[in-house]
Amino acid sequence: MQTGNRIKVVCSDQGGEFQDELLKTHQDKNGTVHKFTVHDLPPQKGVAERDMHTQAKQARALLIASGLPRFLWEEAMQHTTWLQNQTPARALDSKTPYKIMHKGNLTLGASKSLELQHTSRT
């Protein structure tokens, strides 16, 4: 979803995924600063690395608990992101990211389990 907010700074390691010349040109054109951490030094990666690790563990747990096949990994990761956006965060004064972005509460009828999403696609 586009919010109209400008990205000011992007931080990544020097793994190579985000060192493309086209991306650098785009960032320069839009005034985005790209900062690099030391490659393979987890303490410098901080919150983003921990969040991704937690999200991967949640996706794995969802797949195991639901009995769904592993090839649905991407959908499980998307679902954990959806769940995270519906969960209150201390950094947001106990509001959800959804509430902040949409200026309102989520309608509970919109929530679905991963299994229901899967069965509705077949």
PDB file of N, CA and C in Angstrom:
ATOM      1  N   MET A   1       0.836  -1.175   0.000  1.00  0.00           N
ATOM      2  CA  MET A   1       0.000   0.000   0.000  1.00  0.00           C
ATOM      3  C   MET A   1       0.884   1.242   0.000  1.00  0.00           C
ATOM      4  N   GLN A   2       0.617   2.160  -0.860  1.00  0.00           N
ATOM      5  CA  GLN A   2       1.378   3.399  -0.922  1.00  0.00           C
ATOM      6  C   GLN A   2       0.781   4.403   0.055  1.00  0.00           C
ATOM      7  N   THR A   3       1.633   5.036   0.849  1.00  0.00           N
ATOM      8  CA  THR A   3       1.142   5.984   1.850  1.00  0.00           C
ATOM      9  C   THR A   3       1.462   7.422   1.507  1.00  0.00           C
ATOM     10  N   GLY A   4       2.286   7.635   0.504  1.00  0.00           N
ATOM     11  CA  GLY A   4       2.682   8.987   0.161  1.00  0.00           C
ATOM     12  C   GLY A   4       3.878   9.467   0.967  1.00  0.00           C
ATOM     13  N   ASN A   5       4.347   8.656   1.921  1.00  0.00           N
ATOM     14  CA  ASN A   5       5.517   9.025   2.717  1.00  0.00           C
ATOM     15  C   ASN A   5       6.792   8.712   1.939  1.00  0.00           C
ATOM     16  N   ARG A   6       7.780   9.571   2.096  1.00  0.00           N
ATOM     17  CA  ARG A   6       9.054   9.397   1.414  1.00  0.00           C
ATOM     18  C   ARG A   6      10.004   8.585   2.289  1.00  0.00           C
ATOM     19  N   ILE A   7      10.713   7.648   1.685  1.00  0.00           N
ATOM     20  CA  ILE A   7      11.716   6.868   2.414  1.00  0.00           C
ATOM     21  C   ILE A   7      12.977   7.709   2.497  1.00  0.00           C
ATOM     22  N   LYS A   8      13.404   8.013   3.728  1.00  0.00           N
ATOM     23  CA  LYS A   8      14.569   8.867   3.929  1.00  0.00           C
ATOM     24  C   LYS A   8      15.867   8.081   3.991  1.00  0.00           C
ATOM     25  N   VAL A   9      15.846   6.943   4.728  1.00  0.00           N
ATOM     26  CA  VAL A   9      17.063   6.152   4.916  1.00  0.00           C
ATOM     27  C   VAL A   9      16.727   4.668   4.784  1.00  0.00           C
ATOM     28  N   VAL A  10      17.584   3.944   4.086  1.00  0.00           N
ATOM     29  CA  VAL A  10      17.488   2.490   3.972  1.00  0.00           C
ATOM     30  C   VAL A  10      18.778   1.915   4.534  1.00  0.00           C
ATOM     31  N   CYS A  11      18.656   0.940   5.443  1.00  0.00           N
ATOM     32  CA  CYS A  11      19.835   0.278   6.002  1.00  0.00           C
ATOM     33  C   CYS A  11      19.824  -1.180   5.574  1.00  0.00           C
ATOM     34  N   SER A  12      20.958  -1.669   5.120  1.00  0.00           N
ATOM     35  CA  SER A  12      21.080  -3.079   4.762  1.00  0.00           C
ATOM     36  C   SER A  12      22.527  -3.504   4.933  1.00  0.00           C
ATOM     37  N   ASP A  13      22.731  -4.829   4.960  1.00  0.00           N
ATOM     38  CA  ASP A  13      24.109  -5.308   5.036  1.00  0.00           C
ATOM     39  C   ASP A  13      24.720  -5.253   3.636  1.00  0.00           C
ATOM     40  N   GLN A  14      25.932  -5.656   3.525  1.00  0.00           N
ATOM     41  CA  GLN A  14      26.607  -5.596   2.233  1.00  0.00           C
ATOM     42  C   GLN A  14      26.555  -6.945   1.527  1.00  0.00           C
ATOM     43  N   GLY A  15      25.423  -7.623   1.679  1.00  0.00           N
ATOM     44  CA  GLY A  15      25.252  -8.936   1.071  1.00  0.00           C
ATOM     45  C   GLY A  15      25.120  -8.889  -0.442  1.00  0.00           C
ATOM     46  N   GLY A  16      24.840  -7.732  -0.998  1.00  0.00           N
ATOM     47  CA  GLY A  16      24.763  -7.601  -2.446  1.00  0.00           C
ATOM     48  C   GLY A  16      23.362  -7.453  -2.999  1.00  0.00           C
ATOM     49  N   GLU A  17      22.335  -7.850  -2.233  1.00  0.00           N
ATOM     50  CA  GLU A  17      20.971  -7.798  -2.751  1.00  0.00           C
ATOM     51  C   GLU A  17      20.523  -6.371  -3.084  1.00  0.00           C
ATOM     52  N   PHE A  18      21.012  -5.409  -2.326  1.00  0.00           N
ATOM     53  CA  PHE A  18      20.554  -4.028  -2.493  1.00  0.00           C
ATOM     54  C   PHE A  18      21.665  -3.102  -2.974  1.00  0.00           C
ATOM     55  N   GLN A  19      22.594  -3.624  -3.757  1.00  0.00           N
ATOM     56  CA  GLN A  19      23.685  -2.809  -4.264  1.00  0.00           C
ATOM     57  C   GLN A  19      23.609  -2.644  -5.779  1.00  0.00           C
ATOM     58  N   ASP A  20      22.446  -2.850  -6.317  1.00  0.00           N
ATOM     59  CA  ASP A  20      22.214  -2.729  -7.747  1.00  0.00           C
ATOM     60  C   ASP A  20      22.324  -1.263  -8.184  1.00  0.00           C
ATOM     61  N   GLU A  21      22.905  -1.016  -9.330  1.00  0.00           N
ATOM     62  CA  GLU A  21      23.094   0.346  -9.835  1.00  0.00           C
ATOM     63  C   GLU A  21      21.757   1.032 -10.120  1.00  0.00           C
ATOM     64  N   LEU A  22      20.779   0.287 -10.620  1.00  0.00           N
ATOM     65  CA  LEU A  22      19.455   0.844 -10.889  1.00  0.00           C
ATOM     66  C   LEU A  22      18.790   1.315  -9.593  1.00  0.00           C
ATOM     67  N   LEU A  23      18.920   0.511  -8.529  1.00  0.00           N
ATOM     68  CA  LEU A  23      18.364   0.896  -7.235  1.00  0.00           C
ATOM     69  C   LEU A  23      19.074   2.130  -6.692  1.00  0.00           C
ATOM     70  N   LYS A  24      20.403   2.172  -6.826  1.00  0.00           N
ATOM     71  CA  LYS A  24      21.168   3.334  -6.361  1.00  0.00           C
ATOM     72  C   LYS A  24      20.727   4.598  -7.090  1.00  0.00           C
ATOM     73  N   THR A  25      20.531   4.512  -8.393  1.00  0.00           N
ATOM     74  CA  THR A  25      20.067   5.658  -9.178  1.00  0.00           C
ATOM     75  C   THR A  25      18.690   6.116  -8.703  1.00  0.00           C
ATOM     76  N   HIS A  26      17.798   5.164  -8.465  1.00  0.00           N
ATOM     77  CA  HIS A  26      16.446   5.479  -7.979  1.00  0.00           C
ATOM     78  C   HIS A  26      16.512   6.172  -6.613  1.00  0.00           C
ATOM     79  N   GLN A  27      17.336   5.646  -5.709  1.00  0.00           N
ATOM     80  CA  GLN A  27      17.454   6.237  -4.378  1.00  0.00           C
ATOM     81  C   GLN A  27      18.043   7.647  -4.456  1.00  0.00           C
ATOM     82  N   ASP A  28      19.052   7.825  -5.280  1.00  0.00           N
ATOM     83  CA  ASP A  28      19.652   9.152  -5.448  1.00  0.00           C
ATOM     84  C   ASP A  28      18.631  10.153  -5.987  1.00  0.00           C
ATOM     85  N   LYS A  29      17.855   9.724  -6.949  1.00  0.00           N
ATOM     86  CA  LYS A  29      16.848  10.592  -7.570  1.00  0.00           C
ATOM     87  C   LYS A  29      15.778  11.021  -6.567  1.00  0.00           C
ATOM     88  N   ASN A  30      15.458  10.121  -5.621  1.00  0.00           N
ATOM     89  CA  ASN A  30      14.407  10.396  -4.645  1.00  0.00           C
ATOM     90  C   ASN A  30      14.927  10.884  -3.295  1.00  0.00           C
ATOM     91  N   GLY A  31      16.237  11.118  -3.205  1.00  0.00           N
ATOM     92  CA  GLY A  31      16.801  11.655  -1.970  1.00  0.00           C
ATOM     93  C   GLY A  31      16.872  10.655  -0.827  1.00  0.00           C
ATOM     94  N   THR A  32      16.953   9.376  -1.147  1.00  0.00           N
ATOM     95  CA  THR A  32      17.035   8.336  -0.118  1.00  0.00           C
ATOM     96  C   THR A  32      18.500   8.003   0.137  1.00  0.00           C
ATOM     97  N   VAL A  33      18.893   8.000   1.411  1.00  0.00           N
ATOM     98  CA  VAL A  33      20.252   7.662   1.804  1.00  0.00           C
ATOM     99  C   VAL A  33      20.306   6.165   2.081  1.00  0.00           C
ATOM    100  N   HIS A  34      21.293   5.473   1.519  1.00  0.00           N
ATOM    101  CA  HIS A  34      21.461   4.038   1.753  1.00  0.00           C
ATOM    102  C   HIS A  34      22.674   3.832   2.636  1.00  0.00           C
ATOM    103  N   LYS A  35      22.434   3.337   3.850  1.00  0.00           N
ATOM    104  CA  LYS A  35      23.518   3.050   4.791  1.00  0.00           C
ATOM    105  C   LYS A  35      23.754   1.545   4.829  1.00  0.00           C
ATOM    106  N   PHE A  36      25.011   1.150   4.886  1.00  0.00           N
ATOM    107  CA  PHE A  36      25.375  -0.264   4.928  1.00  0.00           C
ATOM    108  C   PHE A  36      25.966  -0.629   6.278  1.00  0.00           C
ATOM    109  N   THR A  37      25.566  -1.791   6.798  1.00  0.00           N
ATOM    110  CA  THR A  37      26.174  -2.327   8.004  1.00  0.00           C
ATOM    111  C   THR A  37      27.255  -3.309   7.574  1.00  0.00           C
ATOM    112  N   VAL A  38      27.980  -3.834   8.547  1.00  0.00           N
ATOM    113  CA  VAL A  38      29.008  -4.825   8.249  1.00  0.00           C
ATOM    114  C   VAL A  38      28.310  -6.138   7.909  1.00  0.00           C
ATOM    115  N   HIS A  39      28.698  -6.743   6.791  1.00  0.00           N
ATOM    116  CA  HIS A  39      28.100  -8.009   6.329  1.00  0.00           C
ATOM    117  C   HIS A  39      28.300  -9.106   7.365  1.00  0.00           C
ATOM    118  N   ASP A  40      27.250  -9.890   7.617  1.00  0.00           N
ATOM    119  CA  ASP A  40      27.278 -11.040   8.532  1.00  0.00           C
ATOM    120  C   ASP A  40      27.641 -10.673   9.970  1.00  0.00           C
ATOM    121  N   LEU A  41      27.227  -9.504  10.437  1.00  0.00           N
ATOM    122  CA  LEU A  41      27.438  -9.103  11.823  1.00  0.00           C
ATOM    123  C   LEU A  41      26.065  -8.816  12.437  1.00  0.00           C
ATOM    124  N   PRO A  42      25.378  -9.873  12.945  1.00  0.00           N
ATOM    125  CA  PRO A  42      24.001  -9.739  13.419  1.00  0.00           C
ATOM    126  C   PRO A  42      23.730  -8.601  14.389  1.00  0.00           C
ATOM    127  N   PRO A  43      24.640  -8.273  15.350  1.00  0.00           N
ATOM    128  CA  PRO A  43      24.312  -7.173  16.262  1.00  0.00           C
ATOM    129  C   PRO A  43      24.044  -5.846  15.545  1.00  0.00           C
ATOM    130  N   GLN A  44      24.671  -5.616  14.391  1.00  0.00           N
ATOM    131  CA  GLN A  44      24.438  -4.372  13.664  1.00  0.00           C
ATOM    132  C   GLN A  44      23.103  -4.381  12.934  1.00  0.00           C
ATOM    133  N   LYS A  45      22.569  -5.549  12.685  1.00  0.00           N
ATOM    134  CA  LYS A  45      21.308  -5.640  11.950  1.00  0.00           C
ATOM    135  C   LYS A  45      20.121  -5.343  12.848  1.00  0.00           C
ATOM    136  N   GLY A  46      20.269  -5.602  14.134  1.00  0.00           N
ATOM    137  CA  GLY A  46      19.310  -5.198  15.136  1.00  0.00           C
ATOM    138  C   GLY A  46      17.887  -5.671  14.950  1.00  0.00           C
ATOM    139  N   VAL A  47      16.970  -4.722  15.075  1.00  0.00           N
ATOM    140  CA  VAL A  47      15.543  -5.002  15.126  1.00  0.00           C
ATOM    141  C   VAL A  47      15.045  -5.721  13.876  1.00  0.00           C
ATOM    142  N   ALA A  48      15.451  -5.294  12.709  1.00  0.00           N
ATOM    143  CA  ALA A  48      14.950  -5.903  11.468  1.00  0.00           C
ATOM    144  C   ALA A  48      15.294  -7.384  11.399  1.00  0.00           C
ATOM    145  N   GLU A  49      16.500  -7.734  11.797  1.00  0.00           N
ATOM    146  CA  GLU A  49      16.919  -9.141  11.757  1.00  0.00           C
ATOM    147  C   GLU A  49      16.119  -9.970  12.756  1.00  0.00           C
ATOM    148  N   ARG A  50      15.913  -9.435  13.962  1.00  0.00           N
ATOM    149  CA  ARG A  50      15.124 -10.151  14.976  1.00  0.00           C
ATOM    150  C   ARG A  50      13.680 -10.301  14.518  1.00  0.00           C
ATOM    151  N   ASP A  51      13.113  -9.238  13.936  1.00  0.00           N
ATOM    152  CA  ASP A  51      11.732  -9.305  13.454  1.00  0.00           C
ATOM    153  C   ASP A  51      11.572 -10.357  12.362  1.00  0.00           C
ATOM    154  N   MET A  52      12.513 -10.408  11.432  1.00  0.00           N
ATOM    155  CA  MET A  52      12.434 -11.392  10.351  1.00  0.00           C
ATOM    156  C   MET A  52      12.561 -12.812  10.913  1.00  0.00           C
ATOM    157  N   HIS A  53      13.432 -12.990  11.897  1.00  0.00           N
ATOM    158  CA  HIS A  53      13.594 -14.302  12.524  1.00  0.00           C
ATOM    159  C   HIS A  53      12.293 -14.716  13.218  1.00  0.00           C
ATOM    160  N   THR A  54      11.683 -13.784  13.944  1.00  0.00           N
ATOM    161  CA  THR A  54      10.422 -14.062  14.638  1.00  0.00           C
ATOM    162  C   THR A  54       9.318 -14.372  13.638  1.00  0.00           C
ATOM    163  N   GLN A  55       9.254 -13.608  12.563  1.00  0.00           N
ATOM    164  CA  GLN A  55       8.231 -13.828  11.547  1.00  0.00           C
ATOM    165  C   GLN A  55       8.408 -15.211  10.895  1.00  0.00           C
ATOM    166  N   ALA A  56       9.631 -15.607  10.631  1.00  0.00           N
ATOM    167  CA  ALA A  56       9.890 -16.926  10.037  1.00  0.00           C
ATOM    168  C   ALA A  56       9.468 -18.036  10.991  1.00  0.00           C
ATOM    169  N   LYS A  57       9.733 -17.869  12.289  1.00  0.00           N
ATOM    170  CA  LYS A  57       9.304 -18.867  13.274  1.00  0.00           C
ATOM    171  C   LYS A  57       7.784 -18.955  13.331  1.00  0.00           C
ATOM    172  N   GLN A  58       7.109 -17.817  13.258  1.00  0.00           N
ATOM    173  CA  GLN A  58       5.643 -17.816  13.267  1.00  0.00           C
ATOM    174  C   GLN A  58       5.089 -18.512  12.027  1.00  0.00           C
ATOM    175  N   ALA A  59       5.670 -18.232  10.875  1.00  0.00           N
ATOM    176  CA  ALA A  59       5.207 -18.856   9.629  1.00  0.00           C
ATOM    177  C   ALA A  59       5.396 -20.365   9.695  1.00  0.00           C
ATOM    178  N   ARG A  60       6.530 -20.795  10.216  1.00  0.00           N
ATOM    179  CA  ARG A  60       6.803 -22.231  10.352  1.00  0.00           C
ATOM    180  C   ARG A  60       5.774 -22.873  11.286  1.00  0.00           C
ATOM    181  N   ALA A  61       5.473 -22.204  12.398  1.00  0.00           N
ATOM    182  CA  ALA A  61       4.491 -22.723  13.355  1.00  0.00           C
ATOM    183  C   ALA A  61       3.096 -22.793  12.727  1.00  0.00           C
ATOM    184  N   LEU A  62       2.731 -21.771  11.940  1.00  0.00           N
ATOM    185  CA  LEU A  62       1.430 -21.783  11.264  1.00  0.00           C
ATOM    186  C   LEU A  62       1.307 -22.968  10.313  1.00  0.00           C
ATOM    187  N   LEU A  63       2.347 -23.208   9.540  1.00  0.00           N
ATOM    188  CA  LEU A  63       2.310 -24.325   8.588  1.00  0.00           C
ATOM    189  C   LEU A  63       2.215 -25.668   9.303  1.00  0.00           C
ATOM    190  N   ILE A  64       2.977 -25.829  10.374  1.00  0.00           N
ATOM    191  CA  ILE A  64       2.960 -27.092  11.119  1.00  0.00           C
ATOM    192  C   ILE A  64       1.600 -27.287  11.787  1.00  0.00           C
ATOM    193  N   ALA A  65       1.093 -26.243  12.450  1.00  0.00           N
ATOM    194  CA  ALA A  65      -0.180 -26.358  13.175  1.00  0.00           C
ATOM    195  C   ALA A  65      -1.362 -26.604  12.238  1.00  0.00           C
ATOM    196  N   SER A  66      -1.304 -26.016  11.052  1.00  0.00           N
ATOM    197  CA  SER A  66      -2.420 -26.160  10.120  1.00  0.00           C
ATOM    198  C   SER A  66      -2.312 -27.417   9.270  1.00  0.00           C
ATOM    199  N   GLY A  67      -1.118 -28.024   9.246  1.00  0.00           N
ATOM    200  CA  GLY A  67      -0.911 -29.218   8.436  1.00  0.00           C
ATOM    201  C   GLY A  67      -0.775 -28.906   6.950  1.00  0.00           C
ATOM    202  N   LEU A  68      -0.574 -27.645   6.621  1.00  0.00           N
ATOM    203  CA  LEU A  68      -0.439 -27.253   5.217  1.00  0.00           C
ATOM    204  C   LEU A  68       0.969 -27.571   4.712  1.00  0.00           C
ATOM    205  N   PRO A  69       1.127 -27.769   3.400  1.00  0.00           N
ATOM    206  CA  PRO A  69       2.450 -28.105   2.844  1.00  0.00           C
ATOM    207  C   PRO A  69       3.421 -26.927   2.888  1.00  0.00           C
ATOM    208  N   ARG A  70       4.709 -27.272   2.871  1.00  0.00           N
ATOM    209  CA  ARG A  70       5.756 -26.250   2.977  1.00  0.00           C
ATOM    210  C   ARG A  70       5.821 -25.303   1.782  1.00  0.00           C
ATOM    211  N   PHE A  71       5.290 -25.712   0.625  1.00  0.00           N
ATOM    212  CA  PHE A  71       5.368 -24.813  -0.529  1.00  0.00           C
ATOM    213  C   PHE A  71       4.513 -23.560  -0.333  1.00  0.00           C
ATOM    214  N   LEU A  72       3.691 -23.543   0.706  1.00  0.00           N
ATOM    215  CA  LEU A  72       2.886 -22.359   1.015  1.00  0.00           C
ATOM    216  C   LEU A  72       3.622 -21.400   1.952  1.00  0.00           C
ATOM    217  N   TRP A  73       4.948 -21.510   1.989  1.00  0.00           N
ATOM    218  CA  TRP A  73       5.783 -20.673   2.852  1.00  0.00           C
ATOM    219  C   TRP A  73       5.516 -19.187   2.628  1.00  0.00           C
ATOM    220  N   GLU A  74       5.461 -18.749   1.391  1.00  0.00           N
ATOM    221  CA  GLU A  74       5.263 -17.323   1.100  1.00  0.00           C
ATOM    222  C   GLU A  74       3.930 -16.831   1.661  1.00  0.00           C
ATOM    223  N   GLU A  75       2.869 -17.615   1.496  1.00  0.00           N
ATOM    224  CA  GLU A  75       1.565 -17.236   2.027  1.00  0.00           C
ATOM    225  C   GLU A  75       1.592 -17.185   3.549  1.00  0.00           C
ATOM    226  N   ALA A  76       2.315 -18.116   4.167  1.00  0.00           N
ATOM    227  CA  ALA A  76       2.432 -18.117   5.626  1.00  0.00           C
ATOM    228  C   ALA A  76       3.170 -16.868   6.102  1.00  0.00           C
ATOM    229  N   MET A  77       4.221 -16.477   5.383  1.00  0.00           N
ATOM    230  CA  MET A  77       4.958 -15.252   5.736  1.00  0.00           C
ATOM    231  C   MET A  77       4.060 -14.022   5.566  1.00  0.00           C
ATOM    232  N   GLN A  78       3.268 -13.981   4.503  1.00  0.00           N
ATOM    233  CA  GLN A  78       2.343 -12.856   4.309  1.00  0.00           C
ATOM    234  C   GLN A  78       1.314 -12.814   5.430  1.00  0.00           C
ATOM    235  N   HIS A  79       0.868 -13.983   5.854  1.00  0.00           N
ATOM    236  CA  HIS A  79      -0.126 -14.034   6.924  1.00  0.00           C
ATOM    237  C   HIS A  79       0.467 -13.542   8.243  1.00  0.00           C
ATOM    238  N   THR A  80       1.723 -13.883   8.529  1.00  0.00           N
ATOM    239  CA  THR A  80       2.334 -13.398   9.771  1.00  0.00           C
ATOM    240  C   THR A  80       2.499 -11.881   9.727  1.00  0.00           C
ATOM    241  N   THR A  81       2.764 -11.326   8.544  1.00  0.00           N
ATOM    242  CA  THR A  81       2.833  -9.867   8.413  1.00  0.00           C
ATOM    243  C   THR A  81       1.464  -9.262   8.688  1.00  0.00           C
ATOM    244  N   TRP A  82       0.418  -9.888   8.152  1.00  0.00           N
ATOM    245  CA  TRP A  82      -0.947  -9.413   8.396  1.00  0.00           C
ATOM    246  C   TRP A  82      -1.248  -9.453   9.896  1.00  0.00           C
ATOM    247  N   LEU A  83      -0.873 -10.563  10.556  1.00  0.00           N
ATOM    248  CA  LEU A  83      -1.105 -10.681  11.997  1.00  0.00           C
ATOM    249  C   LEU A  83      -0.351  -9.599  12.766  1.00  0.00           C
ATOM    250  N   GLN A  84       0.893  -9.348  12.362  1.00  0.00           N
ATOM    251  CA  GLN A  84       1.701  -8.332  13.042  1.00  0.00           C
ATOM    252  C   GLN A  84       1.062  -6.953  12.907  1.00  0.00           C
ATOM    253  N   ASN A  85       0.472  -6.673  11.759  1.00  0.00           N
ATOM    254  CA  ASN A  85      -0.164  -5.379  11.549  1.00  0.00           C
ATOM    255  C   ASN A  85      -1.456  -5.223  12.343  1.00  0.00           C
ATOM    256  N   GLN A  86      -1.992  -6.326  12.878  1.00  0.00           N
ATOM    257  CA  GLN A  86      -3.217  -6.275  13.689  1.00  0.00           C
ATOM    258  C   GLN A  86      -2.909  -6.348  15.182  1.00  0.00           C
ATOM    259  N   THR A  87      -1.637  -6.416  15.534  1.00  0.00           N
ATOM    260  CA  THR A  87      -1.225  -6.579  16.925  1.00  0.00           C
ATOM    261  C   THR A  87      -0.745  -5.250  17.507  1.00  0.00           C
ATOM    262  N   PRO A  88      -1.302  -4.850  18.663  1.00  0.00           N
ATOM    263  CA  PRO A  88      -0.855  -3.594  19.284  1.00  0.00           C
ATOM    264  C   PRO A  88       0.641  -3.623  19.586  1.00  0.00           C
ATOM    265  N   ALA A  89       1.280  -2.479  19.422  1.00  0.00           N
ATOM    266  CA  ALA A  89       2.718  -2.374  19.666  1.00  0.00           C
ATOM    267  C   ALA A  89       2.996  -1.304  20.714  1.00  0.00           C
ATOM    268  N   ARG A  90       3.884  -1.603  21.633  1.00  0.00           N
ATOM    269  CA  ARG A  90       4.257  -0.650  22.678  1.00  0.00           C
ATOM    270  C   ARG A  90       4.821   0.639  22.067  1.00  0.00           C
ATOM    271  N   ALA A  91       5.605   0.502  21.004  1.00  0.00           N
ATOM    272  CA  ALA A  91       6.208   1.672  20.362  1.00  0.00           C
ATOM    273  C   ALA A  91       5.165   2.592  19.723  1.00  0.00           C
ATOM    274  N   LEU A  92       3.957   2.063  19.507  1.00  0.00           N
ATOM    275  CA  LEU A  92       2.875   2.853  18.900  1.00  0.00           C
ATOM    276  C   LEU A  92       1.800   3.196  19.934  1.00  0.00           C
ATOM    277  N   ASP A  93       2.201   3.285  21.195  1.00  0.00           N
ATOM    278  CA  ASP A  93       1.264   3.583  22.290  1.00  0.00           C
ATOM    279  C   ASP A  93       0.120   2.581  22.330  1.00  0.00           C
ATOM    280  N   SER A  94       0.444   1.322  22.183  1.00  0.00           N
ATOM    281  CA  SER A  94      -0.513   0.205  22.223  1.00  0.00           C
ATOM    282  C   SER A  94      -1.575   0.264  21.126  1.00  0.00           C
ATOM    283  N   LYS A  95      -1.275   0.955  20.040  1.00  0.00           N
ATOM    284  CA  LYS A  95      -2.161   0.948  18.873  1.00  0.00           C
ATOM    285  C   LYS A  95      -1.599  -0.053  17.873  1.00  0.00           C
ATOM    286  N   THR A  96      -2.430  -0.466  16.941  1.00  0.00           N
ATOM    287  CA  THR A  96      -1.958  -1.379  15.909  1.00  0.00           C
ATOM    288  C   THR A  96      -1.442  -0.575  14.717  1.00  0.00           C
ATOM    289  N   PRO A  97      -0.485  -1.133  13.963  1.00  0.00           N
ATOM    290  CA  PRO A  97      -0.055  -0.451  12.740  1.00  0.00           C
ATOM    291  C   PRO A  97      -1.233  -0.201  11.798  1.00  0.00           C
ATOM    292  N   TYR A  98      -2.189  -1.142  11.758  1.00  0.00           N
ATOM    293  CA  TYR A  98      -3.371  -0.984  10.909  1.00  0.00           C
ATOM    294  C   TYR A  98      -4.152   0.263  11.308  1.00  0.00           C
ATOM    295  N   LYS A  99      -4.362   0.433  12.614  1.00  0.00           N
ATOM    296  CA  LYS A  99      -5.134   1.584  13.104  1.00  0.00           C
ATOM    297  C   LYS A  99      -4.439   2.901  12.761  1.00  0.00           C
ATOM    298  N   ILE A 100      -3.140   2.931  12.856  1.00  0.00           N
ATOM    299  CA  ILE A 100      -2.399   4.160  12.559  1.00  0.00           C
ATOM    300  C   ILE A 100      -2.464   4.484  11.067  1.00  0.00           C
ATOM    301  N   MET A 101      -2.305   3.463  10.219  1.00  0.00           N
ATOM    302  CA  MET A 101      -2.318   3.711   8.768  1.00  0.00           C
ATOM    303  C   MET A 101      -3.705   4.036   8.244  1.00  0.00           C
ATOM    304  N   HIS A 102      -4.729   3.391   8.805  1.00  0.00           N
ATOM    305  CA  HIS A 102      -6.081   3.536   8.262  1.00  0.00           C
ATOM    306  C   HIS A 102      -6.988   4.412   9.109  1.00  0.00           C
ATOM    307  N   LYS A 103      -6.428   4.970  10.190  1.00  0.00           N
ATOM    308  CA  LYS A 103      -7.182   5.871  11.077  1.00  0.00           C
ATOM    309  C   LYS A 103      -8.453   5.225  11.624  1.00  0.00           C
ATOM    310  N   GLY A 104      -8.433   3.947  11.853  1.00  0.00           N
ATOM    311  CA  GLY A 104      -9.593   3.268  12.408  1.00  0.00           C
ATOM    312  C   GLY A 104      -9.269   1.837  12.768  1.00  0.00           C
ATOM    313  N   ASN A 105     -10.192   1.201  13.463  1.00  0.00           N
ATOM    314  CA  ASN A 105      -9.992  -0.180  13.890  1.00  0.00           C
ATOM    315  C   ASN A 105     -10.320  -1.161  12.775  1.00  0.00           C
ATOM    316  N   LEU A 106      -9.735  -2.329  12.870  1.00  0.00           N
ATOM    317  CA  LEU A 106      -9.986  -3.412  11.939  1.00  0.00           C
ATOM    318  C   LEU A 106     -11.350  -4.030  12.247  1.00  0.00           C
ATOM    319  N   THR A 107     -12.108  -4.338  11.231  1.00  0.00           N
ATOM    320  CA  THR A 107     -13.350  -5.072  11.408  1.00  0.00           C
ATOM    321  C   THR A 107     -12.994  -6.539  11.615  1.00  0.00           C
ATOM    322  N   LEU A 108     -13.425  -7.102  12.722  1.00  0.00           N
ATOM    323  CA  LEU A 108     -13.031  -8.474  13.044  1.00  0.00           C
ATOM    324  C   LEU A 108     -13.508  -9.483  12.017  1.00  0.00           C
ATOM    325  N   GLY A 109     -14.552  -9.179  11.279  1.00  0.00           N
ATOM    326  CA  GLY A 109     -15.022 -10.085  10.239  1.00  0.00           C
ATOM    327  C   GLY A 109     -14.005 -10.279   9.138  1.00  0.00           C
ATOM    328  N   ALA A 110     -13.017  -9.391   9.053  1.00  0.00           N
ATOM    329  CA  ALA A 110     -12.004  -9.483   8.005  1.00  0.00           C
ATOM    330  C   ALA A 110     -10.910 -10.483   8.354  1.00  0.00           C
ATOM    331  N   SER A 111     -10.853 -10.934   9.614  1.00  0.00           N
ATOM    332  CA  SER A 111      -9.772 -11.840  10.000  1.00  0.00           C
ATOM    333  C   SER A 111     -10.079 -13.254   9.530  1.00  0.00           C
ATOM    334  N   LYS A 112      -9.057 -13.916   9.028  1.00  0.00           N
ATOM    335  CA  LYS A 112      -9.179 -15.279   8.531  1.00  0.00           C
ATOM    336  C   LYS A 112      -7.986 -16.070   9.014  1.00  0.00           C
ATOM    337  N   SER A 113      -8.173 -17.344   9.158  1.00  0.00           N
ATOM    338  CA  SER A 113      -7.034 -18.176   9.506  1.00  0.00           C
ATOM    339  C   SER A 113      -6.287 -18.514   8.216  1.00  0.00           C
ATOM    340  N   LEU A 114      -5.062 -18.921   8.364  1.00  0.00           N
ATOM    341  CA  LEU A 114      -4.258 -19.308   7.202  1.00  0.00           C
ATOM    342  C   LEU A 114      -4.927 -20.474   6.480  1.00  0.00           C
ATOM    343  N   GLU A 115      -5.474 -21.404   7.228  1.00  0.00           N
ATOM    344  CA  GLU A 115      -6.104 -22.577   6.629  1.00  0.00           C
ATOM    345  C   GLU A 115      -7.321 -22.174   5.794  1.00  0.00           C
ATOM    346  N   LEU A 116      -8.143 -21.244   6.293  1.00  0.00           N
ATOM    347  CA  LEU A 116      -9.309 -20.802   5.545  1.00  0.00           C
ATOM    348  C   LEU A 116      -8.889 -20.103   4.260  1.00  0.00           C
ATOM    349  N   GLN A 117      -7.835 -19.321   4.321  1.00  0.00           N
ATOM    350  CA  GLN A 117      -7.371 -18.656   3.109  1.00  0.00           C
ATOM    351  C   GLN A 117      -6.937 -19.696   2.093  1.00  0.00           C
ATOM    352  N   HIS A 118      -6.269 -20.735   2.542  1.00  0.00           N
ATOM    353  CA  HIS A 118      -5.790 -21.767   1.628  1.00  0.00           C
ATOM    354  C   HIS A 118      -6.949 -22.515   0.988  1.00  0.00           C
ATOM    355  N   THR A 119      -7.936 -22.941   1.786  1.00  0.00           N
ATOM    356  CA  THR A 119      -9.021 -23.740   1.237  1.00  0.00           C
ATOM    357  C   THR A 119      -9.893 -22.925   0.304  1.00  0.00           C
ATOM    358  N   SER A 120      -9.964 -21.605   0.487  1.00  0.00           N
ATOM    359  CA  SER A 120     -10.795 -20.797  -0.391  1.00  0.00           C
ATOM    360  C   SER A 120     -10.154 -20.600  -1.761  1.00  0.00           C
ATOM    361  N   ARG A 121      -8.858 -20.892  -1.877  1.00  0.00           N
ATOM    362  CA  ARG A 121      -8.145 -20.689  -3.152  1.00  0.00           C
ATOM    363  C   ARG A 121      -8.241 -21.914  -4.049  1.00  0.00           C
ATOM    364  N   THR A 122      -8.640 -23.053  -3.504  1.00  0.00           N
ATOM    365  CA  THR A 122      -8.660 -24.269  -4.318  1.00  0.00           C
ATOM    366  C   THR A 122     -10.001 -24.509  -4.938  1.00  0.00           C
TER     367      THR A 122
END
